[in-house]
Amino acid sequence: MSDTALYSVLLVGDNAAMREALARSLARRGCRVTTATTDAAALETLRERAFDAVITDLNMSERGGLWLWRQTVVLRPELRGRFVMIASEPLPEPRSLALFLETEQLVVKPLSLDTLWRQVQDILQRAPKRTSGARAQPSDLPARL
């Protein structure tokens, strides 16, 4: 694989061990990974930079992943359909989650890296080509994390 990352992913979560393990796994698969520890920090990063996908924990110490998603799709509508939410019990009320699930992906803990990677691949394969450089073809994406 080339030194140039194929896709840009924002990874958000307040659990440092999980966040860093996922970041390493995604980087090994050719993603350029930026991490944020809070939803507010993630939103600030999204104001400054564009990403191909966002992976976020649902339950964080501040407002949480659903809040981040709602803010992001207003700020960057092109990211609708490009979120993977990682959730554990308890899940939010069904009405809140239903709107999210119309366009986004949900992975429930304990998560499988293979399941997460399949969902990320699905999102990245739908990502529009960048104008500033070549993007890999869907067949170029690795099959596993």
Protein backbone atom coordinates (compact mmCIF):
# COMPACT_ATOMS: atom_id res chain seq x y z
CA MET A 1 0.00 0.00 0.00
CA SER A 2 1.28 3.50 -0.77
CA ASP A 3 2.34 6.00 1.86
CA THR A 4 -0.62 8.16 0.96
CA ALA A 5 -3.73 7.40 2.98
CA LEU A 6 -6.70 6.48 0.84
CA TYR A 7 -9.46 7.77 3.10
CA SER A 8 -9.80 10.27 5.91
CA VAL A 9 -11.67 9.10 9.01
CA LEU A 10 -12.55 11.04 12.16
CA LEU A 11 -12.64 8.70 15.17
CA VAL A 12 -14.37 10.05 18.28
CA GLY A 13 -14.49 8.47 21.71
CA ASP A 14 -13.62 9.15 25.32
CA ASN A 15 -12.17 5.67 25.97
CA ALA A 16 -8.48 6.16 25.13
CA ALA A 17 -7.58 2.47 24.84
CA MET A 18 -10.44 1.69 22.46
CA ARG A 19 -9.94 4.88 20.44
CA GLU A 20 -6.23 4.23 19.94
CA ALA A 21 -6.72 0.53 19.09
CA LEU A 22 -9.32 1.40 16.46
CA ALA A 23 -7.13 4.21 15.10
CA ARG A 24 -4.19 1.81 14.66
CA SER A 25 -6.40 -0.77 12.95
CA LEU A 26 -7.84 1.78 10.53
CA ALA A 27 -4.40 3.24 9.78
CA ARG A 28 -3.08 -0.23 8.94
CA ARG A 29 -5.85 -0.45 6.35
CA GLY A 30 -4.86 2.75 4.60
CA CYS A 31 -7.03 5.29 6.39
CA ARG A 32 -5.72 8.64 7.58
CA VAL A 33 -7.20 8.75 11.08
CA THR A 34 -7.78 11.85 13.17
CA THR A 35 -8.97 11.30 16.73
CA ALA A 36 -11.05 13.44 19.08
CA THR A 37 -11.82 12.73 22.72
CA THR A 38 -15.09 14.67 22.97
CA ASP A 39 -18.03 15.49 20.75
CA ALA A 40 -17.23 19.23 21.03
CA ALA A 41 -13.62 18.67 19.93
CA ALA A 42 -14.86 16.52 17.06
CA LEU A 43 -17.26 19.22 15.89
CA GLU A 44 -14.45 21.78 15.94
CA THR A 45 -12.29 19.42 13.88
CA LEU A 46 -15.16 18.95 11.42
CA ARG A 47 -15.41 22.73 11.04
CA GLU A 48 -11.74 22.83 10.02
CA ARG A 49 -11.37 19.73 7.84
CA ALA A 50 -13.30 17.42 5.56
CA PHE A 51 -13.53 13.67 6.21
CA ASP A 52 -14.76 10.67 4.26
CA ALA A 53 -16.31 9.04 7.34
CA VAL A 54 -16.91 9.55 11.06
CA ILE A 55 -16.82 6.79 13.67
CA THR A 56 -18.09 7.89 17.07
CA ASP A 57 -19.10 6.43 20.39
CA LEU A 58 -22.77 6.94 21.18
CA ASN A 59 -22.31 7.48 24.92
CA MET A 60 -19.68 10.05 25.82
CA SER A 61 -19.29 12.25 28.87
CA GLU A 62 -20.62 15.39 27.18
CA ARG A 63 -23.53 15.40 24.72
CA GLY A 64 -22.85 12.15 22.90
CA GLY A 65 -22.69 10.72 19.42
CA LEU A 66 -26.26 11.51 18.36
CA TRP A 67 -25.71 15.18 19.17
CA LEU A 68 -22.49 15.13 17.14
CA TRP A 69 -24.30 13.50 14.21
CA ARG A 70 -27.12 16.07 14.27
CA GLN A 71 -24.65 18.97 14.36
CA THR A 72 -22.42 17.45 11.68
CA VAL A 73 -25.09 16.83 9.06
CA VAL A 74 -26.08 20.50 9.34
CA LEU A 75 -22.46 21.69 9.16
CA ARG A 76 -21.34 19.15 6.54
CA PRO A 77 -24.37 17.61 4.79
CA GLU A 78 -22.06 15.50 2.63
CA LEU A 79 -21.36 13.38 5.72
CA ARG A 80 -24.96 12.15 5.94
CA GLY A 81 -24.72 8.40 5.42
CA ARG A 82 -21.06 8.36 6.47
CA PHE A 83 -21.37 7.80 10.23
CA VAL A 84 -20.71 4.62 12.18
CA MET A 85 -21.99 4.82 15.75
CA ILE A 86 -20.54 2.47 18.38
CA ALA A 87 -23.09 1.79 21.13
CA SER A 88 -23.42 -0.20 24.30
CA GLU A 89 -26.46 -0.68 26.45
CA PRO A 90 -28.55 1.24 27.17
CA LEU A 91 -29.43 2.47 23.71
CA PRO A 92 -31.17 5.84 23.44
CA GLU A 93 -34.91 6.11 23.02
CA PRO A 94 -36.07 4.46 19.79
CA ARG A 95 -37.32 7.72 18.21
CA SER A 96 -33.91 9.37 18.53
CA LEU A 97 -32.12 6.37 17.11
CA ALA A 98 -34.66 5.75 14.32
CA LEU A 99 -33.75 8.93 12.45
CA PHE A 100 -30.06 8.11 12.72
CA LEU A 101 -30.56 4.55 11.48
CA GLU A 102 -32.36 5.72 8.34
CA THR A 103 -28.99 6.66 6.83
CA GLU A 104 -26.21 5.59 9.19
CA GLN A 105 -24.54 2.47 10.63
CA LEU A 106 -24.66 1.14 14.21
CA VAL A 107 -22.24 -1.31 15.84
CA VAL A 108 -23.07 -2.63 19.32
CA LYS A 109 -20.35 -3.42 21.89
CA PRO A 110 -18.62 -5.70 22.34
CA LEU A 111 -17.68 -4.90 18.80
CA SER A 112 -15.98 -7.07 16.25
CA LEU A 113 -13.23 -5.32 14.29
CA ASP A 114 -14.33 -7.29 11.22
CA THR A 115 -17.91 -6.02 11.56
CA LEU A 116 -16.73 -2.45 12.10
CA TRP A 117 -14.39 -2.65 9.08
CA ARG A 118 -17.19 -4.01 6.84
CA GLN A 119 -19.36 -1.04 7.77
CA VAL A 120 -16.50 1.41 7.23
CA GLN A 121 -15.78 -0.19 3.84
CA ASP A 122 -19.41 0.21 2.87
CA ILE A 123 -19.25 3.92 3.67
CA LEU A 124 -15.89 4.48 1.99
CA GLN A 125 -16.90 2.68 -1.17
CA ARG A 126 -19.71 5.21 -1.53
CA ALA A 127 -17.41 8.20 -0.91
CA PRO A 128 -17.12 10.52 -3.91
CA LYS A 129 -13.73 10.78 -5.56
CA ARG A 130 -11.46 13.50 -4.27
CA THR A 131 -10.54 16.23 -6.70
CA SER A 132 -7.04 16.58 -5.26
CA GLY A 133 -5.86 13.06 -5.93
CA ALA A 134 -6.71 9.55 -6.95
CA ARG A 135 -8.89 7.43 -4.72
CA ALA A 136 -8.62 3.70 -4.49
CA GLN A 137 -11.18 1.54 -6.18
CA PRO A 138 -13.51 -0.44 -3.87
CA SER A 139 -11.60 -3.61 -4.71
CA ASP A 140 -8.42 -1.98 -3.32
CA LEU A 141 -9.87 -1.81 0.20
CA PRO A 142 -8.53 -4.53 2.50
CA ALA A 143 -11.02 -7.16 3.55
CA ARG A 144 -10.11 -7.12 7.27
CA LEU A 145 -8.94 -4.74 9.99
